PDB file of N, CA and C in Angstrom:
ATOM      1  N   UNK A   1       3.250   1.751   3.207  1.00  0.00           N
ATOM      2  CA  UNK A   1       4.288   1.262   4.212  1.00  0.00           C
ATOM      3  C   UNK A   1       5.170   0.279   3.594  1.00  0.00           C
ATOM      4  N   UNK A   2       6.364   0.729   3.278  1.00  0.00           N
ATOM      5  CA  UNK A   2       7.451  -0.143   2.659  1.00  0.00           C
ATOM      6  C   UNK A   2       8.014  -1.428   3.492  1.00  0.00           C
ATOM      7  N   UNK A   3       8.204  -2.503   2.895  1.00  0.00           N
ATOM      8  CA  UNK A   3       8.774  -3.779   3.815  1.00  0.00           C
ATOM      9  C   UNK A   3       9.947  -3.115   4.387  1.00  0.00           C
ATOM     10  N   UNK A   4      10.362  -3.450   5.493  1.00  0.00           N
ATOM     11  CA  UNK A   4      11.536  -3.058   6.302  1.00  0.00           C
ATOM     12  C   UNK A   4      12.149  -4.208   6.813  1.00  0.00           C
ATOM     13  N   UNK A   5      13.717  -4.371   6.861  1.00  0.00           N
ATOM     14  CA  UNK A   5      14.367  -5.180   7.792  1.00  0.00           C
ATOM     15  C   UNK A   5      14.506  -4.758   9.057  1.00  0.00           C
ATOM     16  N   UNK A   6      14.161  -3.371   9.443  1.00  0.00           N
ATOM     17  CA  UNK A   6      14.214  -2.875  10.663  1.00  0.00           C
ATOM     18  C   UNK A   6      13.256  -3.585  11.693  1.00  0.00           C
ATOM     19  N   UNK A   7      14.002  -4.314  12.787  1.00  0.00           N
ATOM     20  CA  UNK A   7      13.042  -5.099  13.779  1.00  0.00           C
ATOM     21  C   UNK A   7      12.286  -4.035  14.300  1.00  0.00           C
ATOM     22  N   UNK A   8      10.911  -4.236  14.562  1.00  0.00           N
ATOM     23  CA  UNK A   8      10.146  -3.529  15.255  1.00  0.00           C
ATOM     24  C   UNK A   8      10.601  -3.338  16.856  1.00  0.00           C
ATOM     25  N   UNK A   9      10.454  -2.099  17.268  1.00  0.00           N
ATOM     26  CA  UNK A   9      10.584  -2.181  18.826  1.00  0.00           C
ATOM     27  C   UNK A   9       9.421  -1.071  19.309  1.00  0.00           C
ATOM     28  N   UNK A  10       9.490  -0.972  20.570  1.00  0.00           N
ATOM     29  CA  UNK A  10       8.455  -0.138  21.269  1.00  0.00           C
ATOM     30  C   UNK A  10       8.657   1.338  20.648  1.00  0.00           C
ATOM     31  N   UNK A  11       7.572   1.884  19.957  1.00  0.00           N
ATOM     32  CA  UNK A  11       7.789   3.120  19.411  1.00  0.00           C
ATOM     33  C   UNK A  11       7.755   3.099  18.020  1.00  0.00           C
ATOM     34  N   UNK A  12       7.806   1.965  17.203  1.00  0.00           N
ATOM     35  CA  UNK A  12       7.898   1.784  15.882  1.00  0.00           C
ATOM     36  C   UNK A  12       6.402   1.985  15.369  1.00  0.00           C
ATOM     37  N   UNK A  13       6.374   2.624  14.069  1.00  0.00           N
ATOM     38  CA  UNK A  13       5.163   2.788  13.333  1.00  0.00           C
ATOM     39  C   UNK A  13       4.632   1.655  12.842  1.00  0.00           C
ATOM     40  N   UNK A  14       3.554   0.897  13.109  1.00  0.00           N
ATOM     41  CA  UNK A  14       3.135  -0.187  12.416  1.00  0.00           C
ATOM     42  C   UNK A  14       1.812  -0.221  11.620  1.00  0.00           C
ATOM     43  N   UNK A  15       1.198  -0.888  10.980  1.00  0.00           N
ATOM     44  CA  UNK A  15       0.131  -0.794  10.108  1.00  0.00           C
ATOM     45  C   UNK A  15      -0.966  -0.336  11.027  1.00  0.00           C
ATOM     46  N   UNK A  16      -1.111  -0.510  12.355  1.00  0.00           N
ATOM     47  CA  UNK A  16      -2.032  -0.374  13.242  1.00  0.00           C
ATOM     48  C   UNK A  16      -1.815   0.732  14.201  1.00  0.00           C
ATOM     49  N   UNK A  17      -0.675   1.455  14.039  1.00  0.00           N
ATOM     50  CA  UNK A  17      -0.258   2.491  14.892  1.00  0.00           C
ATOM     51  C   UNK A  17       1.112   2.234  15.625  1.00  0.00           C
ATOM     52  N   UNK A  18       1.334   3.217  16.541  1.00  0.00           N
ATOM     53  CA  UNK A  18       2.708   2.982  17.375  1.00  0.00           C
ATOM     54  C   UNK A  18       2.641   1.689  18.153  1.00  0.00           C
ATOM     55  N   UNK A  19       3.695   0.923  18.177  1.00  0.00           N
ATOM     56  CA  UNK A  19       3.922  -0.213  18.971  1.00  0.00           C
ATOM     57  C   UNK A  19       4.187   0.268  20.320  1.00  0.00           C
ATOM     58  N   UNK A  20       3.167  -0.301  21.218  1.00  0.00           N
ATOM     59  CA  UNK A  20       3.456  -0.208  22.782  1.00  0.00           C
ATOM     60  C   UNK A  20       4.125  -1.366  23.209  1.00  0.00           C
ATOM     61  N   UNK A  21       4.070  -2.374  22.540  1.00  0.00           N
ATOM     62  CA  UNK A  21       4.687  -3.865  23.083  1.00  0.00           C
ATOM     63  C   UNK A  21       5.147  -4.587  22.083  1.00  0.00           C
ATOM     64  N   UNK A  22       6.241  -5.069  22.263  1.00  0.00           N
ATOM     65  CA  UNK A  22       6.656  -6.109  21.205  1.00  0.00           C
ATOM     66  C   UNK A  22       7.309  -7.279  21.870  1.00  0.00           C
ATOM     67  N   UNK A  23       7.356  -8.436  21.236  1.00  0.00           N
ATOM     68  CA  UNK A  23       7.719  -9.818  21.826  1.00  0.00           C
ATOM     69  C   UNK A  23       8.333 -10.655  20.775  1.00  0.00           C
ATOM     70  N   UNK A  24       9.587 -10.657  20.653  1.00  0.00           N
ATOM     71  CA  UNK A  24      10.367 -11.600  19.741  1.00  0.00           C
ATOM     72  C   UNK A  24       9.962 -12.969  19.802  1.00  0.00           C
ATOM     73  N   UNK A  25       9.415 -13.564  18.749  1.00  0.00           N
ATOM     74  CA  UNK A  25       9.197 -14.827  18.810  1.00  0.00           C
ATOM     75  C   UNK A  25      10.464 -15.608  18.100  1.00  0.00           C
ATOM     76  N   UNK A  26      11.078 -15.141  17.227  1.00  0.00           N
ATOM     77  CA  UNK A  26      12.318 -15.478  16.867  1.00  0.00           C
ATOM     78  C   UNK A  26      13.118 -14.183  16.715  1.00  0.00           C
ATOM     79  N   UNK A  27      14.020 -13.894  17.651  1.00  0.00           N
ATOM     80  CA  UNK A  27      14.587 -12.317  17.564  1.00  0.00           C
ATOM     81  C   UNK A  27      15.240 -12.293  16.306  1.00  0.00           C
ATOM     82  N   UNK A  28      14.721 -10.951  15.832  1.00  0.00           N
ATOM     83  CA  UNK A  28      15.180 -10.350  14.417  1.00  0.00           C
ATOM     84  C   UNK A  28      14.656 -10.803  13.258  1.00  0.00           C
ATOM     85  N   UNK A  29      13.694 -11.914  13.501  1.00  0.00           N
ATOM     86  CA  UNK A  29      13.144 -12.515  12.414  1.00  0.00           C
ATOM     87  C   UNK A  29      11.364 -12.587  12.444  1.00  0.00           C
ATOM     88  N   UNK A  30      10.958 -12.978  13.659  1.00  0.00           N
ATOM     89  CA  UNK A  30       9.370 -12.668  13.654  1.00  0.00           C
ATOM     90  C   UNK A  30       9.184 -12.046  15.116  1.00  0.00           C
ATOM     91  N   UNK A  31       8.273 -11.262  15.095  1.00  0.00           N
ATOM     92  CA  UNK A  31       8.029 -10.285  16.210  1.00  0.00           C
ATOM     93  C   UNK A  31       6.544 -10.094  16.284  1.00  0.00           C
ATOM     94  N   UNK A  32       6.085 -10.181  17.547  1.00  0.00           N
ATOM     95  CA  UNK A  32       4.577  -9.814  17.763  1.00  0.00           C
ATOM     96  C   UNK A  32       4.775  -8.374  17.997  1.00  0.00           C
ATOM     97  N   UNK A  33       3.703  -7.628  17.715  1.00  0.00           N
ATOM     98  CA  UNK A  33       3.821  -6.003  17.948  1.00  0.00           C
ATOM     99  C   UNK A  33       2.287  -5.823  18.460  1.00  0.00           C
ATOM    100  N   UNK A  34       2.139  -4.987  19.554  1.00  0.00           N
ATOM    101  CA  UNK A  34       0.803  -4.768  19.834  1.00  0.00           C
ATOM    102  C   UNK A  34       0.724  -3.034  19.914  1.00  0.00           C
ATOM    103  N   UNK A  35      -0.408  -2.471  19.715  1.00  0.00           N
ATOM    104  CA  UNK A  35      -0.830  -1.170  19.713  1.00  0.00           C
ATOM    105  C   UNK A  35      -1.693  -0.749  20.575  1.00  0.00           C
ATOM    106  N   UNK A  36      -2.096   0.428  20.909  1.00  0.00           N
ATOM    107  CA  UNK A  36      -3.268   0.651  21.753  1.00  0.00           C
ATOM    108  C   UNK A  36      -4.404   0.285  21.188  1.00  0.00           C
ATOM    109  N   UNK A  37      -4.608  -0.151  19.800  1.00  0.00           N
ATOM    110  CA  UNK A  37      -5.880  -0.609  19.331  1.00  0.00           C
ATOM    111  C   UNK A  37      -6.052  -1.958  18.418  1.00  0.00           C
ATOM    112  N   UNK A  38      -4.839  -2.686  18.254  1.00  0.00           N
ATOM    113  CA  UNK A  38      -4.597  -3.740  17.460  1.00  0.00           C
ATOM    114  C   UNK A  38      -3.082  -4.240  17.374  1.00  0.00           C
ATOM    115  N   UNK A  39      -2.838  -5.117  16.503  1.00  0.00           N
ATOM    116  CA  UNK A  39      -1.593  -5.480  16.524  1.00  0.00           C
ATOM    117  C   UNK A  39      -1.197  -6.782  15.362  1.00  0.00           C
ATOM    118  N   UNK A  40      -0.010  -7.235  15.423  1.00  0.00           N
ATOM    119  CA  UNK A  40       0.092  -8.456  14.492  1.00  0.00           C
ATOM    120  C   UNK A  40       1.666  -8.813  14.579  1.00  0.00           C
ATOM    121  N   UNK A  41       1.877  -9.335  13.478  1.00  0.00           N
ATOM    122  CA  UNK A  41       3.294 -10.082  13.354  1.00  0.00           C
ATOM    123  C   UNK A  41       3.993  -9.517  12.316  1.00  0.00           C
ATOM    124  N   UNK A  42       5.264  -9.136  12.824  1.00  0.00           N
ATOM    125  CA  UNK A  42       6.240  -8.629  11.734  1.00  0.00           C
ATOM    126  C   UNK A  42       7.189  -9.881  11.350  1.00  0.00           C
ATOM    127  N   UNK A  43       7.312  -9.967   9.867  1.00  0.00           N
ATOM    128  CA  UNK A  43       8.274 -10.918   9.596  1.00  0.00           C
ATOM    129  C   UNK A  43       9.333 -10.533   8.707  1.00  0.00           C
ATOM    130  N   UNK A  44      10.567 -10.677   9.095  1.00  0.00           N
ATOM    131  CA  UNK A  44      11.963 -10.074   8.327  1.00  0.00           C
ATOM    132  C   UNK A  44      11.708 -10.313   6.924  1.00  0.00           C
ATOM    133  N   UNK A  45      11.808  -9.332   6.050  1.00  0.00           N
ATOM    134  CA  UNK A  45      11.848  -9.681   4.568  1.00  0.00           C
ATOM    135  C   UNK A  45      12.428 -11.125   3.922  1.00  0.00           C
ATOM    136  N   UNK A  46      13.552 -11.258   4.449  1.00  0.00           N
ATOM    137  CA  UNK A  46      14.465 -12.719   3.923  1.00  0.00           C
ATOM    138  C   UNK A  46      13.602 -13.785   4.476  1.00  0.00           C
ATOM    139  N   UNK A  47      13.040 -14.030   5.774  1.00  0.00           N
ATOM    140  CA  UNK A  47      12.187 -14.981   6.124  1.00  0.00           C
ATOM    141  C   UNK A  47      10.923 -15.039   5.478  1.00  0.00           C
ATOM    142  N   UNK A  48      10.236 -14.019   5.054  1.00  0.00           N
ATOM    143  CA  UNK A  48       9.070 -13.963   4.425  1.00  0.00           C
ATOM    144  C   UNK A  48       9.305 -14.508   2.861  1.00  0.00           C
ATOM    145  N   UNK A  49      10.415 -14.082   2.253  1.00  0.00           N
ATOM    146  CA  UNK A  49      10.760 -14.339   0.890  1.00  0.00           C
ATOM    147  C   UNK A  49      11.204 -16.007   0.912  1.00  0.00           C
ATOM    148  N   UNK A  50      11.704 -16.492   1.936  1.00  0.00           N
ATOM    149  CA  UNK A  50      12.268 -17.786   1.847  1.00  0.00           C
ATOM    150  C   UNK A  50      11.318 -18.865   2.163  1.00  0.00           C
ATOM    151  N   UNK A  51      10.279 -18.235   3.142  1.00  0.00           N
ATOM    152  CA  UNK A  51       9.500 -19.523   3.798  1.00  0.00           C
ATOM    153  C   UNK A  51       7.857 -19.351   3.492  1.00  0.00           C
ATOM    154  N   UNK A  52       7.540 -18.039   2.967  1.00  0.00           N
ATOM    155  CA  UNK A  52       5.937 -17.846   2.964  1.00  0.00           C
ATOM    156  C   UNK A  52       5.747 -17.710   1.213  1.00  0.00           C
ATOM    157  N   UNK A  53       5.336 -18.830   0.606  1.00  0.00           N
ATOM    158  CA  UNK A  53       5.046 -18.433  -0.543  1.00  0.00           C
ATOM    159  C   UNK A  53       4.239 -17.169  -1.200  1.00  0.00           C
ATOM    160  N   UNK A  54       4.227 -16.616  -2.190  1.00  0.00           N
ATOM    161  CA  UNK A  54       3.295 -15.425  -2.622  1.00  0.00           C
ATOM    162  C   UNK A  54       1.832 -15.674  -2.503  1.00  0.00           C
ATOM    163  N   UNK A  55       1.365 -16.689  -2.838  1.00  0.00           N
ATOM    164  CA  UNK A  55      -0.173 -16.885  -2.633  1.00  0.00           C
ATOM    165  C   UNK A  55      -0.597 -16.917  -1.021  1.00  0.00           C
ATOM    166  N   UNK A  56       0.415 -17.274  -0.171  1.00  0.00           N
ATOM    167  CA  UNK A  56       0.173 -17.259   1.366  1.00  0.00           C
ATOM    168  C   UNK A  56       0.363 -15.747   1.589  1.00  0.00           C
ATOM    169  N   UNK A  57       1.247 -15.233   1.024  1.00  0.00           N
ATOM    170  CA  UNK A  57       1.443 -13.627   1.531  1.00  0.00           C
ATOM    171  C   UNK A  57       0.111 -12.903   1.005  1.00  0.00           C
ATOM    172  N   UNK A  58      -0.355 -13.091  -0.127  1.00  0.00           N
ATOM    173  CA  UNK A  58      -1.396 -12.337  -0.612  1.00  0.00           C
ATOM    174  C   UNK A  58      -2.692 -12.346   0.310  1.00  0.00           C
ATOM    175  N   UNK A  59      -2.984 -13.432   0.959  1.00  0.00           N
ATOM    176  CA  UNK A  59      -4.068 -13.499   2.076  1.00  0.00           C
ATOM    177  C   UNK A  59      -3.897 -12.390   2.947  1.00  0.00           C
ATOM    178  N   UNK A  60      -2.726 -12.021   3.503  1.00  0.00           N
ATOM    179  CA  UNK A  60      -2.772 -11.026   4.355  1.00  0.00           C
ATOM    180  C   UNK A  60      -2.686  -9.466   3.844  1.00  0.00           C
ATOM    181  N   UNK A  61      -2.316  -9.398   2.543  1.00  0.00           N
ATOM    182  CA  UNK A  61      -2.320  -8.170   1.940  1.00  0.00           C
ATOM    183  C   UNK A  61      -3.542  -7.383   2.029  1.00  0.00           C
ATOM    184  N   UNK A  62      -4.472  -8.023   2.273  1.00  0.00           N
ATOM    185  CA  UNK A  62      -6.086  -7.300   2.446  1.00  0.00           C
ATOM    186  C   UNK A  62      -6.152  -6.494   3.440  1.00  0.00           C
ATOM    187  N   UNK A  63      -5.317  -6.868   4.685  1.00  0.00           N
ATOM    188  CA  UNK A  63      -5.270  -6.099   5.981  1.00  0.00           C
ATOM    189  C   UNK A  63      -3.947  -5.380   6.384  1.00  0.00           C
ATOM    190  N   UNK A  64      -2.981  -5.781   5.785  1.00  0.00           N
ATOM    191  CA  UNK A  64      -1.585  -5.378   6.120  1.00  0.00           C
ATOM    192  C   UNK A  64      -0.553  -5.254   4.933  1.00  0.00           C
ATOM    193  N   UNK A  65       0.390  -4.412   4.918  1.00  0.00           N
ATOM    194  CA  UNK A  65       1.453  -4.406   3.831  1.00  0.00           C
ATOM    195  C   UNK A  65       2.419  -5.435   3.988  1.00  0.00           C
ATOM    196  N   UNK A  66       3.077  -5.671   2.990  1.00  0.00           N
ATOM    197  CA  UNK A  66       4.126  -6.729   2.870  1.00  0.00           C
ATOM    198  C   UNK A  66       4.992  -6.774   4.090  1.00  0.00           C
ATOM    199  N   UNK A  67       5.053  -8.026   4.808  1.00  0.00           N
ATOM    200  CA  UNK A  67       5.964  -8.014   5.898  1.00  0.00           C
ATOM    201  C   UNK A  67       5.148  -8.232   7.430  1.00  0.00           C
ATOM    202  N   UNK A  68       3.888  -7.850   7.077  1.00  0.00           N
ATOM    203  CA  UNK A  68       3.049  -7.628   8.482  1.00  0.00           C
ATOM    204  C   UNK A  68       1.886  -8.600   8.392  1.00  0.00           C
ATOM    205  N   UNK A  69       1.522  -9.343   9.321  1.00  0.00           N
ATOM    206  CA  UNK A  69       0.336 -10.117   9.585  1.00  0.00           C
ATOM    207  C   UNK A  69      -0.605  -9.771  10.502  1.00  0.00           C
ATOM    208  N   UNK A  70      -1.819  -9.271  10.393  1.00  0.00           N
ATOM    209  CA  UNK A  70      -2.552  -8.871  11.421  1.00  0.00           C
ATOM    210  C   UNK A  70      -2.968  -9.925  12.507  1.00  0.00           C
ATOM    211  N   UNK A  71      -3.276  -9.691  13.615  1.00  0.00           N
ATOM    212  CA  UNK A  71      -3.434 -10.461  14.736  1.00  0.00           C
ATOM    213  C   UNK A  71      -4.562 -11.401  14.687  1.00  0.00           C
ATOM    214  N   UNK A  72      -5.530 -11.034  14.155  1.00  0.00           N
ATOM    215  CA  UNK A  72      -6.905 -11.801  14.401  1.00  0.00           C
ATOM    216  C   UNK A  72      -6.878 -13.134  13.433  1.00  0.00           C
ATOM    217  N   UNK A  73      -6.348 -13.196  12.385  1.00  0.00           N
ATOM    218  CA  UNK A  73      -6.407 -14.307  11.571  1.00  0.00           C
ATOM    219  C   UNK A  73      -5.081 -14.736  11.105  1.00  0.00           C
ATOM    220  N   UNK A  74      -4.705 -13.548  10.226  1.00  0.00           N
ATOM    221  CA  UNK A  74      -3.439 -13.651   9.338  1.00  0.00           C
ATOM    222  C   UNK A  74      -1.999 -14.140  10.130  1.00  0.00           C
ATOM    223  N   UNK A  75      -1.900 -13.772  11.367  1.00  0.00           N
ATOM    224  CA  UNK A  75      -0.795 -14.232  11.735  1.00  0.00           C
ATOM    225  C   UNK A  75      -0.355 -15.594  11.944  1.00  0.00           C
ATOM    226  N   UNK A  76      -1.457 -16.396  11.629  1.00  0.00           N
ATOM    227  CA  UNK A  76      -1.164 -17.834  11.475  1.00  0.00           C
ATOM    228  C   UNK A  76      -0.404 -18.267  10.347  1.00  0.00           C
ATOM    229  N   UNK A  77      -0.353 -17.283   9.342  1.00  0.00           N
ATOM    230  CA  UNK A  77       0.395 -17.540   8.181  1.00  0.00           C
ATOM    231  C   UNK A  77       1.882 -17.841   8.387  1.00  0.00           C
ATOM    232  N   UNK A  78       2.723 -16.763   9.046  1.00  0.00           N
ATOM    233  CA  UNK A  78       4.156 -16.933   9.315  1.00  0.00           C
ATOM    234  C   UNK A  78       4.348 -17.902  10.521  1.00  0.00           C
ATOM    235  N   UNK A  79       3.423 -18.005  11.515  1.00  0.00           N
ATOM    236  CA  UNK A  79       3.473 -18.861  12.549  1.00  0.00           C
ATOM    237  C   UNK A  79       3.343 -20.362  12.153  1.00  0.00           C
ATOM    238  N   UNK A  80       2.835 -20.608  11.028  1.00  0.00           N
ATOM    239  CA  UNK A  80       2.559 -21.988  10.595  1.00  0.00           C
ATOM    240  C   UNK A  80       3.808 -22.384   9.577  1.00  0.00           C
ATOM    241  N   UNK A  81       4.196 -21.305   8.790  1.00  0.00           N
ATOM    242  CA  UNK A  81       5.098 -21.582   7.597  1.00  0.00           C
ATOM    243  C   UNK A  81       6.581 -21.589   8.144  1.00  0.00           C
ATOM    244  N   UNK A  82       6.864 -20.462   9.074  1.00  0.00           N
ATOM    245  CA  UNK A  82       8.376 -20.086   9.183  1.00  0.00           C
ATOM    246  C   UNK A  82       8.888 -21.175  10.209  1.00  0.00           C
ATOM    247  N   UNK A  83       9.928 -21.766   9.506  1.00  0.00           N
ATOM    248  CA  UNK A  83      10.595 -22.957  10.416  1.00  0.00           C
ATOM    249  C   UNK A  83      11.399 -22.418  11.599  1.00  0.00           C
ATOM    250  N   UNK A  84      11.426 -23.140  12.677  1.00  0.00           N
ATOM    251  CA  UNK A  84      12.204 -22.858  13.760  1.00  0.00           C
ATOM    252  C   UNK A  84      11.402 -22.175  14.965  1.00  0.00           C
ATOM    253  N   UNK A  85      10.233 -22.187  14.968  1.00  0.00           N
ATOM    254  CA  UNK A  85       9.276 -21.613  15.852  1.00  0.00           C
ATOM    255  C   UNK A  85       9.114 -22.770  16.940  1.00  0.00           C
ATOM    256  N   UNK A  86       8.793 -22.491  18.162  1.00  0.00           N
ATOM    257  CA  UNK A  86       8.448 -23.630  19.050  1.00  0.00           C
ATOM    258  C   UNK A  86       7.231 -24.458  18.752  1.00  0.00           C
ATOM    259  N   UNK A  87       7.207 -25.552  19.042  1.00  0.00           N
ATOM    260  CA  UNK A  87       6.301 -26.748  18.535  1.00  0.00           C
ATOM    261  C   UNK A  87       4.831 -26.109  19.030  1.00  0.00           C
ATOM    262  N   UNK A  88       4.689 -25.758  20.086  1.00  0.00           N
ATOM    263  CA  UNK A  88       3.152 -25.291  20.498  1.00  0.00           C
ATOM    264  C   UNK A  88       2.730 -24.214  19.539  1.00  0.00           C
ATOM    265  N   UNK A  89       3.559 -23.137  19.432  1.00  0.00           N
ATOM    266  CA  UNK A  89       3.161 -21.964  18.741  1.00  0.00           C
ATOM    267  C   UNK A  89       2.898 -22.686  17.240  1.00  0.00           C
ATOM    268  N   UNK A  90       3.778 -23.362  16.588  1.00  0.00           N
ATOM    269  CA  UNK A  90       3.410 -23.643  15.361  1.00  0.00           C
ATOM    270  C   UNK A  90       2.220 -24.526  15.212  1.00  0.00           C
ATOM    271  N   UNK A  91       2.107 -25.586  16.169  1.00  0.00           N
ATOM    272  CA  UNK A  91       0.942 -26.531  16.170  1.00  0.00           C
ATOM    273  C   UNK A  91      -0.339 -25.726  16.284  1.00  0.00           C
ATOM    274  N   UNK A  92      -0.236 -24.925  17.259  1.00  0.00           N
ATOM    275  CA  UNK A  92      -1.565 -24.038  17.356  1.00  0.00           C
ATOM    276  C   UNK A  92      -1.919 -23.320  16.242  1.00  0.00           C
ATOM    277  N   UNK A  93      -0.860 -22.569  15.506  1.00  0.00           N
ATOM    278  CA  UNK A  93      -1.146 -22.076  14.103  1.00  0.00           C
ATOM    279  C   UNK A  93      -1.679 -22.942  12.991  1.00  0.00           C
ATOM    280  N   UNK A  94      -1.172 -23.917  13.200  1.00  0.00           N
ATOM    281  CA  UNK A  94      -1.524 -24.988  12.076  1.00  0.00           C
ATOM    282  C   UNK A  94      -3.171 -25.304  12.213  1.00  0.00           C
ATOM    283  N   UNK A  95      -3.434 -25.717  13.461  1.00  0.00           N
ATOM    284  CA  UNK A  95      -4.720 -26.056  13.712  1.00  0.00           C
ATOM    285  C   UNK A  95      -5.585 -24.982  13.490  1.00  0.00           C
ATOM    286  N   UNK A  96      -5.224 -23.719  13.761  1.00  0.00           N
ATOM    287  CA  UNK A  96      -6.240 -22.538  13.514  1.00  0.00           C
ATOM    288  C   UNK A  96      -6.397 -22.382  11.932  1.00  0.00           C
ATOM    289  N   UNK A  97      -5.256 -22.590  11.075  1.00  0.00           N
ATOM    290  CA  UNK A  97      -5.202 -22.340   9.884  1.00  0.00           C
ATOM    291  C   UNK A  97      -6.317 -23.339   9.153  1.00  0.00           C
ATOM    292  N   UNK A  98      -6.069 -24.577   9.680  1.00  0.00           N
ATOM    293  CA  UNK A  98      -7.040 -25.834   9.161  1.00  0.00           C
ATOM    294  C   UNK A  98      -8.561 -25.510   9.392  1.00  0.00           C
ATOM    295  N   UNK A  99      -8.799 -24.915  10.709  1.00  0.00           N
ATOM    296  CA  UNK A  99     -10.173 -24.447  11.133  1.00  0.00           C
ATOM    297  C   UNK A  99     -10.703 -23.533  10.189  1.00  0.00           C
ATOM    298  N   UNK A 100      -9.866 -22.411   9.741  1.00  0.00           N
ATOM    299  CA  UNK A 100     -10.368 -21.308   9.126  1.00  0.00           C
ATOM    300  C   UNK A 100     -10.864 -21.854   7.800  1.00  0.00           C
ATOM    301  N   UNK A 101     -10.586 -22.808   7.325  1.00  0.00           N
ATOM    302  CA  UNK A 101     -11.040 -23.254   6.084  1.00  0.00           C
ATOM    303  C   UNK A 101     -10.836 -22.667   4.629  1.00  0.00           C
ATOM    304  N   UNK A 102     -11.710 -22.001   3.887  1.00  0.00           N
ATOM    305  CA  UNK A 102     -11.070 -21.516   2.568  1.00  0.00           C
ATOM    306  C   UNK A 102     -10.226 -20.330   2.553  1.00  0.00           C
ATOM    307  N   UNK A 103     -10.322 -19.439   3.522  1.00  0.00           N
ATOM    308  CA  UNK A 103      -9.359 -18.348   3.614  1.00  0.00           C
ATOM    309  C   UNK A 103      -7.865 -18.661   3.781  1.00  0.00           C
ATOM    310  N   UNK A 104      -7.721 -19.841   4.434  1.00  0.00           N
ATOM    311  CA  UNK A 104      -6.477 -20.285   4.705  1.00  0.00           C
ATOM    312  C   UNK A 104      -5.915 -21.836   3.944  1.00  0.00           C
ATOM    313  N   UNK A 105      -6.546 -21.709   2.748  1.00  0.00           N
ATOM    314  CA  UNK A 105      -6.515 -23.002   1.898  1.00  0.00           C
ATOM    315  C   UNK A 105      -5.051 -23.062   1.465  1.00  0.00           C
ATOM    316  N   UNK A 106      -4.478 -21.924   0.794  1.00  0.00           N
ATOM    317  CA  UNK A 106      -3.168 -21.940   0.404  1.00  0.00           C
ATOM    318  C   UNK A 106      -1.993 -22.290   1.349  1.00  0.00           C
ATOM    319  N   UNK A 107      -2.385 -21.734   2.692  1.00  0.00           N
ATOM    320  CA  UNK A 107      -1.380 -22.337   3.741  1.00  0.00           C
ATOM    321  C   UNK A 107      -1.623 -23.766   4.090  1.00  0.00           C
ATOM    322  N   UNK A 108      -2.706 -24.328   4.038  1.00  0.00           N
ATOM    323  CA  UNK A 108      -2.884 -25.866   4.360  1.00  0.00           C
ATOM    324  C   UNK A 108      -2.423 -26.397   3.189  1.00  0.00           C
ATOM    325  N   UNK A 109      -2.478 -25.862   2.041  1.00  0.00           N
ATOM    326  CA  UNK A 109      -1.794 -26.739   0.891  1.00  0.00           C
ATOM    327  C   UNK A 109      -0.403 -26.563   0.804  1.00  0.00           C
ATOM    328  N   UNK A 110       0.062 -25.549   1.131  1.00  0.00           N
ATOM    329  CA  UNK A 110       1.670 -25.410   1.374  1.00  0.00           C
ATOM    330  C   UNK A 110       2.251 -26.331   2.615  1.00  0.00           C
ATOM    331  N   UNK A 111       1.656 -26.460   3.633  1.00  0.00           N
ATOM    332  CA  UNK A 111       1.913 -27.339   4.775  1.00  0.00           C
ATOM    333  C   UNK A 111       1.756 -28.889   4.281  1.00  0.00           C
ATOM    334  N   UNK A 112       0.862 -29.286   3.382  1.00  0.00           N
ATOM    335  CA  UNK A 112       0.818 -30.567   3.097  1.00  0.00           C
ATOM    336  C   UNK A 112       1.862 -30.756   1.888  1.00  0.00           C
ATOM    337  N   UNK A 113       2.302 -29.866   0.982  1.00  0.00           N
ATOM    338  CA  UNK A 113       3.161 -30.081   0.079  1.00  0.00           C
ATOM    339  C   UNK A 113       4.566 -30.341   0.941  1.00  0.00           C
ATOM    340  N   UNK A 114       4.700 -29.487   1.942  1.00  0.00           N
ATOM    341  CA  UNK A 114       6.118 -29.671   2.556  1.00  0.00           C
ATOM    342  C   UNK A 114       6.134 -31.042   3.155  1.00  0.00           C
ATOM    343  N   UNK A 115       5.071 -31.579   3.731  1.00  0.00           N
ATOM    344  CA  UNK A 115       5.066 -32.746   4.414  1.00  0.00           C
ATOM    345  C   UNK A 115       5.339 -33.971   3.343  1.00  0.00           C
ATOM    346  N   UNK A 116       5.119 -33.816   1.811  1.00  0.00           N
ATOM    347  CA  UNK A 116       5.433 -34.794   0.864  1.00  0.00           C
ATOM    348  C   UNK A 116       6.448 -34.607   0.307  1.00  0.00           C
ATOM    349  N   UNK A 117       7.203 -33.381   0.574  1.00  0.00           N
ATOM    350  CA  UNK A 117       8.541 -33.127  -0.213  1.00  0.00           C
ATOM    351  C   UNK A 117       9.761 -33.845   0.429  1.00  0.00           C
TER     352      UNK A 117
END
């Protein structure tokens, strides 16, 4: 599955099947998708390039192609790192990333780097 700037809608083919529900967290930039069996978060390629470092993107590539972050764990990557999300969503994502430990260490390190920059 190639990265796409096409915003997912109901009926879009996702890494987990056909989207039967979508919810824009940031319209055109960050979108939750659900299928009959699973789901995740889609991030616009430009947002991903600008705000999610390669080592953080690499965490998600085990379970989804570029631009996609599966819903069980990896969705916290864009939710923690993409600026402009509401404070509760971002705060919950950061807390979950910290609690996940080693798997999300690059995300926590990036958050710390941004705090000191």
